[in-house]
């Protein structure tokens, strides 16, 4: 991918853990994205609307306030942002719950703990790796 196509790409990292946001942010910024952070789903919706959308969203499932699943459902109802690629990050291992995330509109999911290669692999699947 050329640097021209990479220029201006933004990723939103949504997680109530500052450490997790920083870790994911480092991996994703290395793929050519500028990073925007949000601490929960409500904060994420506000940031998306204020900034006019994102090129990628990586969201934790379990957060106080608005969960990642609730966030995905809310975002997919909004025609303006409904096609944004979403990767759900979760410690959830129940296949039925993972299916719920995909049914809600997540494009991919990553199980915790994860490695840099796993995140980059998911970005590659979505055509977003740098």
N, C-alpha and C. Protein backbone atom coordinates (compact mmCIF):
# COMPACT_ATOMS: atom_id res chain seq x y z
N UNK A 1 0.85 -1.17 0.00
CA UNK A 1 0.00 0.00 0.00
C UNK A 1 0.89 1.23 0.00
N UNK A 2 0.56 2.21 -0.81
CA UNK A 2 1.40 3.40 -0.89
C UNK A 2 1.15 4.30 0.31
N UNK A 3 2.12 5.17 0.57
CA UNK A 3 1.99 6.11 1.68
C UNK A 3 0.84 7.08 1.44
N UNK A 4 0.49 7.35 0.17
CA UNK A 4 -0.61 8.25 -0.13
C UNK A 4 -1.92 7.66 0.39
N UNK A 5 -2.13 6.38 0.19
CA UNK A 5 -3.36 5.74 0.69
C UNK A 5 -3.38 5.67 2.20
N UNK A 6 -2.22 5.54 2.83
CA UNK A 6 -2.15 5.42 4.28
C UNK A 6 -2.36 6.75 4.98
N UNK A 7 -2.05 7.84 4.29
CA UNK A 7 -2.12 9.15 4.90
C UNK A 7 -3.53 9.45 5.39
N UNK A 8 -3.62 9.90 6.62
CA UNK A 8 -4.90 10.32 7.15
C UNK A 8 -5.79 9.23 7.70
N UNK A 9 -5.31 7.99 7.75
CA UNK A 9 -6.15 6.91 8.29
C UNK A 9 -6.21 7.05 9.81
N UNK A 10 -7.43 6.92 10.35
CA UNK A 10 -7.61 7.02 11.79
C UNK A 10 -8.23 5.74 12.35
N UNK A 11 -7.71 5.33 13.51
CA UNK A 11 -8.27 4.18 14.22
C UNK A 11 -8.71 4.62 15.60
N UNK A 12 -9.86 4.14 15.99
CA UNK A 12 -10.39 4.41 17.33
C UNK A 12 -10.18 3.16 18.18
N UNK A 13 -9.49 3.32 19.31
CA UNK A 13 -9.27 2.23 20.26
C UNK A 13 -10.19 2.49 21.45
N UNK A 14 -11.11 1.55 21.71
CA UNK A 14 -12.09 1.72 22.77
C UNK A 14 -11.87 0.65 23.83
N UNK A 15 -11.41 1.07 25.00
CA UNK A 15 -11.15 0.14 26.09
C UNK A 15 -11.10 0.93 27.39
N UNK A 16 -11.63 0.37 28.45
CA UNK A 16 -11.59 1.07 29.74
C UNK A 16 -10.21 1.00 30.39
N UNK A 17 -9.32 0.18 29.86
CA UNK A 17 -7.95 0.07 30.37
C UNK A 17 -7.01 0.96 29.56
N UNK A 18 -6.40 1.93 30.23
CA UNK A 18 -5.44 2.81 29.56
C UNK A 18 -4.25 2.02 29.02
N UNK A 19 -3.82 1.00 29.76
CA UNK A 19 -2.70 0.17 29.33
C UNK A 19 -3.05 -0.57 28.04
N UNK A 20 -4.24 -1.14 27.97
CA UNK A 20 -4.66 -1.86 26.77
C UNK A 20 -4.79 -0.91 25.58
N UNK A 21 -5.33 0.30 25.81
CA UNK A 21 -5.42 1.28 24.72
C UNK A 21 -4.03 1.62 24.19
N UNK A 22 -3.07 1.79 25.10
CA UNK A 22 -1.70 2.13 24.69
C UNK A 22 -1.07 0.98 23.90
N UNK A 23 -1.25 -0.25 24.37
CA UNK A 23 -0.67 -1.41 23.69
C UNK A 23 -1.25 -1.56 22.29
N UNK A 24 -2.57 -1.52 22.18
CA UNK A 24 -3.21 -1.64 20.87
C UNK A 24 -2.84 -0.46 19.98
N UNK A 25 -2.77 0.72 20.58
CA UNK A 25 -2.42 1.91 19.82
C UNK A 25 -1.04 1.82 19.18
N UNK A 26 -0.07 1.28 19.91
CA UNK A 26 1.28 1.11 19.34
C UNK A 26 1.27 0.16 18.15
N UNK A 27 0.58 -0.94 18.29
CA UNK A 27 0.52 -1.93 17.20
C UNK A 27 -0.16 -1.33 15.97
N UNK A 28 -1.27 -0.67 16.18
CA UNK A 28 -2.06 -0.16 15.06
C UNK A 28 -1.42 1.07 14.44
N UNK A 29 -0.78 1.91 15.23
CA UNK A 29 -0.11 3.08 14.65
C UNK A 29 1.06 2.64 13.77
N UNK A 30 1.69 1.52 14.11
CA UNK A 30 2.75 0.98 13.26
C UNK A 30 2.23 0.55 11.89
N UNK A 31 0.92 0.41 11.76
CA UNK A 31 0.30 0.04 10.48
C UNK A 31 -0.18 1.26 9.72
N UNK A 32 0.21 2.44 10.17
CA UNK A 32 -0.08 3.66 9.43
C UNK A 32 -1.31 4.42 9.85
N UNK A 33 -1.83 4.15 11.03
CA UNK A 33 -3.01 4.84 11.52
C UNK A 33 -2.63 5.87 12.57
N UNK A 34 -3.34 6.99 12.58
CA UNK A 34 -3.28 7.86 13.75
C UNK A 34 -4.34 7.32 14.72
N UNK A 35 -4.08 7.46 16.00
CA UNK A 35 -4.90 6.81 17.02
C UNK A 35 -5.75 7.83 17.77
N UNK A 36 -7.01 7.47 17.95
CA UNK A 36 -7.94 8.20 18.81
C UNK A 36 -8.37 7.19 19.87
N UNK A 37 -8.44 7.62 21.12
CA UNK A 37 -8.81 6.71 22.21
C UNK A 37 -10.15 7.10 22.82
N UNK A 38 -10.86 6.08 23.31
CA UNK A 38 -12.10 6.28 24.07
C UNK A 38 -12.13 5.27 25.20
N UNK A 39 -12.72 5.65 26.31
CA UNK A 39 -12.70 4.80 27.51
C UNK A 39 -13.91 3.86 27.63
N UNK A 40 -14.96 4.12 26.82
CA UNK A 40 -16.13 3.23 26.80
C UNK A 40 -16.94 3.51 25.54
N UNK A 41 -18.02 2.79 25.38
CA UNK A 41 -18.82 2.91 24.17
C UNK A 41 -19.43 4.29 23.97
N UNK A 42 -19.92 4.89 25.05
CA UNK A 42 -20.52 6.22 24.92
C UNK A 42 -19.48 7.25 24.49
N UNK A 43 -18.33 7.20 25.12
CA UNK A 43 -17.23 8.09 24.77
C UNK A 43 -16.84 7.88 23.30
N UNK A 44 -16.82 6.63 22.87
CA UNK A 44 -16.46 6.31 21.48
C UNK A 44 -17.46 6.89 20.50
N UNK A 45 -18.75 6.76 20.77
CA UNK A 45 -19.77 7.31 19.88
C UNK A 45 -19.62 8.83 19.77
N UNK A 46 -19.36 9.49 20.88
CA UNK A 46 -19.17 10.94 20.87
C UNK A 46 -17.97 11.32 20.01
N UNK A 47 -16.86 10.59 20.16
CA UNK A 47 -15.65 10.91 19.39
C UNK A 47 -15.86 10.68 17.89
N UNK A 48 -16.53 9.59 17.54
CA UNK A 48 -16.79 9.30 16.13
C UNK A 48 -17.63 10.40 15.51
N UNK A 49 -18.68 10.80 16.19
CA UNK A 49 -19.56 11.84 15.65
C UNK A 49 -18.85 13.18 15.56
N UNK A 50 -18.03 13.50 16.55
CA UNK A 50 -17.30 14.77 16.55
C UNK A 50 -16.25 14.82 15.45
N UNK A 51 -15.62 13.69 15.18
CA UNK A 51 -14.52 13.64 14.21
C UNK A 51 -14.97 13.24 12.81
N UNK A 52 -16.21 12.83 12.66
CA UNK A 52 -16.71 12.47 11.34
C UNK A 52 -16.37 11.08 10.88
N UNK A 53 -16.14 10.17 11.80
CA UNK A 53 -15.90 8.78 11.44
C UNK A 53 -14.46 8.34 11.63
N UNK A 54 -14.25 7.04 11.43
CA UNK A 54 -12.94 6.41 11.58
C UNK A 54 -12.76 5.42 10.44
N UNK A 55 -11.51 5.02 10.23
CA UNK A 55 -11.21 4.01 9.22
C UNK A 55 -11.14 2.61 9.82
N UNK A 56 -11.04 2.55 11.15
CA UNK A 56 -10.97 1.27 11.88
C UNK A 56 -11.38 1.54 13.31
N UNK A 57 -12.09 0.58 13.90
CA UNK A 57 -12.42 0.64 15.32
C UNK A 57 -12.03 -0.68 15.95
N UNK A 58 -11.30 -0.61 17.06
CA UNK A 58 -10.94 -1.79 17.85
C UNK A 58 -11.57 -1.56 19.21
N UNK A 59 -12.47 -2.46 19.61
CA UNK A 59 -13.27 -2.23 20.80
C UNK A 59 -13.26 -3.44 21.73
N UNK A 60 -13.08 -3.17 23.01
CA UNK A 60 -13.16 -4.20 24.04
C UNK A 60 -14.62 -4.56 24.27
N UNK A 61 -14.88 -5.80 24.60
CA UNK A 61 -16.25 -6.25 24.85
C UNK A 61 -16.75 -5.73 26.20
N UNK A 62 -15.98 -5.98 27.25
CA UNK A 62 -16.44 -5.70 28.61
C UNK A 62 -15.91 -4.35 29.10
N UNK A 63 -16.84 -3.40 29.20
CA UNK A 63 -16.52 -2.07 29.70
C UNK A 63 -17.71 -1.57 30.51
N UNK A 64 -17.45 -0.73 31.50
CA UNK A 64 -18.57 -0.14 32.24
C UNK A 64 -19.32 0.86 31.37
N UNK A 65 -20.53 1.17 31.76
CA UNK A 65 -21.32 2.13 30.98
C UNK A 65 -21.93 1.45 29.78
N UNK A 66 -21.32 1.63 28.63
CA UNK A 66 -21.78 0.99 27.40
C UNK A 66 -20.74 -0.04 26.98
N UNK A 67 -21.14 -1.29 26.92
CA UNK A 67 -20.21 -2.37 26.56
C UNK A 67 -19.83 -2.28 25.08
N UNK A 68 -18.83 -3.04 24.71
CA UNK A 68 -18.42 -3.10 23.32
C UNK A 68 -19.52 -3.62 22.42
N UNK A 69 -20.25 -4.61 22.89
CA UNK A 69 -21.35 -5.17 22.09
C UNK A 69 -22.45 -4.11 21.89
N UNK A 70 -22.80 -3.40 22.95
CA UNK A 70 -23.80 -2.33 22.82
C UNK A 70 -23.31 -1.24 21.87
N UNK A 71 -22.02 -0.93 21.94
CA UNK A 71 -21.43 0.06 21.04
C UNK A 71 -21.55 -0.39 19.59
N UNK A 72 -21.20 -1.63 19.31
CA UNK A 72 -21.27 -2.15 17.93
C UNK A 72 -22.71 -2.07 17.42
N UNK A 73 -23.66 -2.49 18.24
CA UNK A 73 -25.06 -2.42 17.83
C UNK A 73 -25.48 -0.99 17.53
N UNK A 74 -25.09 -0.04 18.37
CA UNK A 74 -25.44 1.37 18.17
C UNK A 74 -24.79 1.92 16.90
N UNK A 75 -23.54 1.59 16.68
CA UNK A 75 -22.84 2.10 15.51
C UNK A 75 -23.44 1.54 14.22
N UNK A 76 -23.77 0.26 14.22
CA UNK A 76 -24.32 -0.36 13.02
C UNK A 76 -25.72 0.16 12.68
N UNK A 77 -26.41 0.75 13.64
CA UNK A 77 -27.73 1.36 13.36
C UNK A 77 -27.59 2.72 12.68
N UNK A 78 -26.41 3.30 12.75
CA UNK A 78 -26.16 4.63 12.20
C UNK A 78 -25.64 4.49 10.77
N UNK A 79 -26.42 4.89 9.78
CA UNK A 79 -26.05 4.72 8.38
C UNK A 79 -24.75 5.44 8.03
N UNK A 80 -24.46 6.53 8.72
CA UNK A 80 -23.25 7.30 8.43
C UNK A 80 -21.99 6.50 8.71
N UNK A 81 -22.01 5.73 9.81
CA UNK A 81 -20.81 5.02 10.25
C UNK A 81 -20.97 3.51 10.22
N UNK A 82 -22.04 3.03 9.66
CA UNK A 82 -22.38 1.62 9.71
C UNK A 82 -21.43 0.66 9.02
N UNK A 83 -20.58 1.15 8.13
CA UNK A 83 -19.68 0.26 7.39
C UNK A 83 -18.25 0.28 7.90
N UNK A 84 -17.99 1.01 8.94
CA UNK A 84 -16.64 1.09 9.50
C UNK A 84 -16.18 -0.28 9.98
N UNK A 85 -14.99 -0.74 9.58
CA UNK A 85 -14.49 -2.03 10.06
C UNK A 85 -14.30 -2.03 11.59
N UNK A 86 -14.81 -3.06 12.23
CA UNK A 86 -14.73 -3.18 13.69
C UNK A 86 -14.09 -4.51 14.06
N UNK A 87 -13.08 -4.44 14.94
CA UNK A 87 -12.47 -5.63 15.53
C UNK A 87 -12.82 -5.62 17.01
N UNK A 88 -13.48 -6.67 17.46
CA UNK A 88 -13.85 -6.82 18.87
C UNK A 88 -12.72 -7.56 19.58
N UNK A 89 -12.27 -7.02 20.70
CA UNK A 89 -11.24 -7.65 21.52
C UNK A 89 -11.92 -8.17 22.76
N UNK A 90 -11.71 -9.44 23.08
CA UNK A 90 -12.47 -10.04 24.17
C UNK A 90 -11.72 -11.16 24.87
N UNK A 91 -12.08 -11.35 26.12
CA UNK A 91 -11.63 -12.53 26.85
C UNK A 91 -12.74 -13.59 26.84
N UNK A 92 -13.82 -13.28 26.15
CA UNK A 92 -14.96 -14.18 26.02
C UNK A 92 -14.56 -15.41 25.20
N UNK A 93 -14.85 -16.59 25.72
CA UNK A 93 -14.49 -17.82 25.01
C UNK A 93 -15.70 -18.62 24.54
N UNK A 94 -16.89 -18.22 24.97
CA UNK A 94 -18.11 -18.92 24.59
C UNK A 94 -18.40 -18.67 23.11
N UNK A 95 -18.43 -19.72 22.28
CA UNK A 95 -18.68 -19.54 20.85
C UNK A 95 -19.99 -18.81 20.56
N UNK A 96 -21.00 -19.01 21.39
CA UNK A 96 -22.28 -18.32 21.17
C UNK A 96 -22.12 -16.82 21.36
N UNK A 97 -21.31 -16.42 22.33
CA UNK A 97 -21.09 -15.00 22.57
C UNK A 97 -20.28 -14.39 21.41
N UNK A 98 -19.30 -15.12 20.93
CA UNK A 98 -18.51 -14.62 19.80
C UNK A 98 -19.40 -14.47 18.57
N UNK A 99 -20.31 -15.41 18.38
CA UNK A 99 -21.26 -15.32 17.27
C UNK A 99 -22.14 -14.09 17.43
N UNK A 100 -22.51 -13.75 18.67
CA UNK A 100 -23.30 -12.54 18.93
C UNK A 100 -22.56 -11.29 18.45
N UNK A 101 -21.25 -11.25 18.69
CA UNK A 101 -20.45 -10.09 18.28
C UNK A 101 -20.46 -9.95 16.76
N UNK A 102 -20.28 -11.05 16.07
CA UNK A 102 -20.29 -11.03 14.61
C UNK A 102 -21.69 -10.68 14.09
N UNK A 103 -22.71 -11.28 14.69
CA UNK A 103 -24.08 -10.98 14.29
C UNK A 103 -24.43 -9.51 14.52
N UNK A 104 -23.85 -8.91 15.57
CA UNK A 104 -24.10 -7.50 15.89
C UNK A 104 -23.44 -6.57 14.88
N UNK A 105 -22.40 -7.07 14.20
CA UNK A 105 -21.76 -6.25 13.20
C UNK A 105 -20.25 -6.13 13.30
N UNK A 106 -19.64 -6.82 14.26
CA UNK A 106 -18.17 -6.83 14.31
C UNK A 106 -17.66 -7.59 13.10
N UNK A 107 -16.59 -7.09 12.49
CA UNK A 107 -16.02 -7.76 11.31
C UNK A 107 -15.08 -8.89 11.69
N UNK A 108 -14.38 -8.71 12.80
CA UNK A 108 -13.42 -9.70 13.29
C UNK A 108 -13.40 -9.63 14.80
N UNK A 109 -12.81 -10.65 15.43
CA UNK A 109 -12.60 -10.59 16.87
C UNK A 109 -11.23 -11.16 17.19
N UNK A 110 -10.72 -10.70 18.32
CA UNK A 110 -9.41 -11.12 18.81
C UNK A 110 -9.58 -11.56 20.25
N UNK A 111 -9.05 -12.73 20.57
CA UNK A 111 -9.11 -13.25 21.93
C UNK A 111 -7.92 -12.74 22.75
N UNK A 112 -8.19 -12.32 23.99
CA UNK A 112 -7.13 -11.96 24.93
C UNK A 112 -6.63 -13.23 25.58
N UNK A 113 -5.36 -13.35 25.87
CA UNK A 113 -4.29 -12.43 25.48
C UNK A 113 -3.97 -12.61 24.00
N UNK A 114 -3.45 -11.55 23.39
CA UNK A 114 -3.14 -11.58 21.97
C UNK A 114 -1.70 -11.13 21.75
N UNK A 115 -1.21 -11.32 20.55
CA UNK A 115 0.12 -10.87 20.18
C UNK A 115 0.00 -9.82 19.08
N UNK A 116 1.08 -9.13 18.83
CA UNK A 116 1.14 -8.16 17.73
C UNK A 116 0.76 -8.84 16.42
N UNK A 117 1.28 -10.04 16.19
CA UNK A 117 1.00 -10.76 14.95
C UNK A 117 -0.48 -11.04 14.76
N UNK A 118 -1.18 -11.33 15.85
CA UNK A 118 -2.62 -11.60 15.75
C UNK A 118 -3.36 -10.33 15.31
N UNK A 119 -3.02 -9.20 15.91
CA UNK A 119 -3.68 -7.94 15.55
C UNK A 119 -3.38 -7.59 14.09
N UNK A 120 -2.12 -7.67 13.70
CA UNK A 120 -1.74 -7.37 12.32
C UNK A 120 -2.43 -8.33 11.35
N UNK A 121 -2.53 -9.59 11.74
CA UNK A 121 -3.23 -10.58 10.91
C UNK A 121 -4.69 -10.21 10.68
N UNK A 122 -5.35 -9.73 11.71
CA UNK A 122 -6.75 -9.30 11.56
C UNK A 122 -6.84 -8.08 10.64
N UNK A 123 -5.89 -7.16 10.77
CA UNK A 123 -5.87 -6.00 9.88
C UNK A 123 -5.63 -6.43 8.44
N UNK A 124 -4.79 -7.42 8.24
CA UNK A 124 -4.55 -7.95 6.90
C UNK A 124 -5.85 -8.55 6.33
N UNK A 125 -6.57 -9.31 7.14
CA UNK A 125 -7.84 -9.89 6.68
C UNK A 125 -8.82 -8.82 6.24
N UNK A 126 -8.76 -7.67 6.91
CA UNK A 126 -9.66 -6.57 6.59
C UNK A 126 -9.11 -5.66 5.49
N UNK A 127 -7.91 -5.98 5.01
CA UNK A 127 -7.29 -5.15 3.97
C UNK A 127 -6.75 -3.83 4.51
N UNK A 128 -6.42 -3.80 5.80
CA UNK A 128 -6.02 -2.55 6.43
C UNK A 128 -4.58 -2.54 6.96
N UNK A 129 -3.85 -3.61 6.78
CA UNK A 129 -2.46 -3.64 7.29
C UNK A 129 -1.61 -2.69 6.45
N UNK A 130 -0.65 -2.07 7.15
CA UNK A 130 0.18 -1.05 6.51
C UNK A 130 1.26 -1.61 5.67
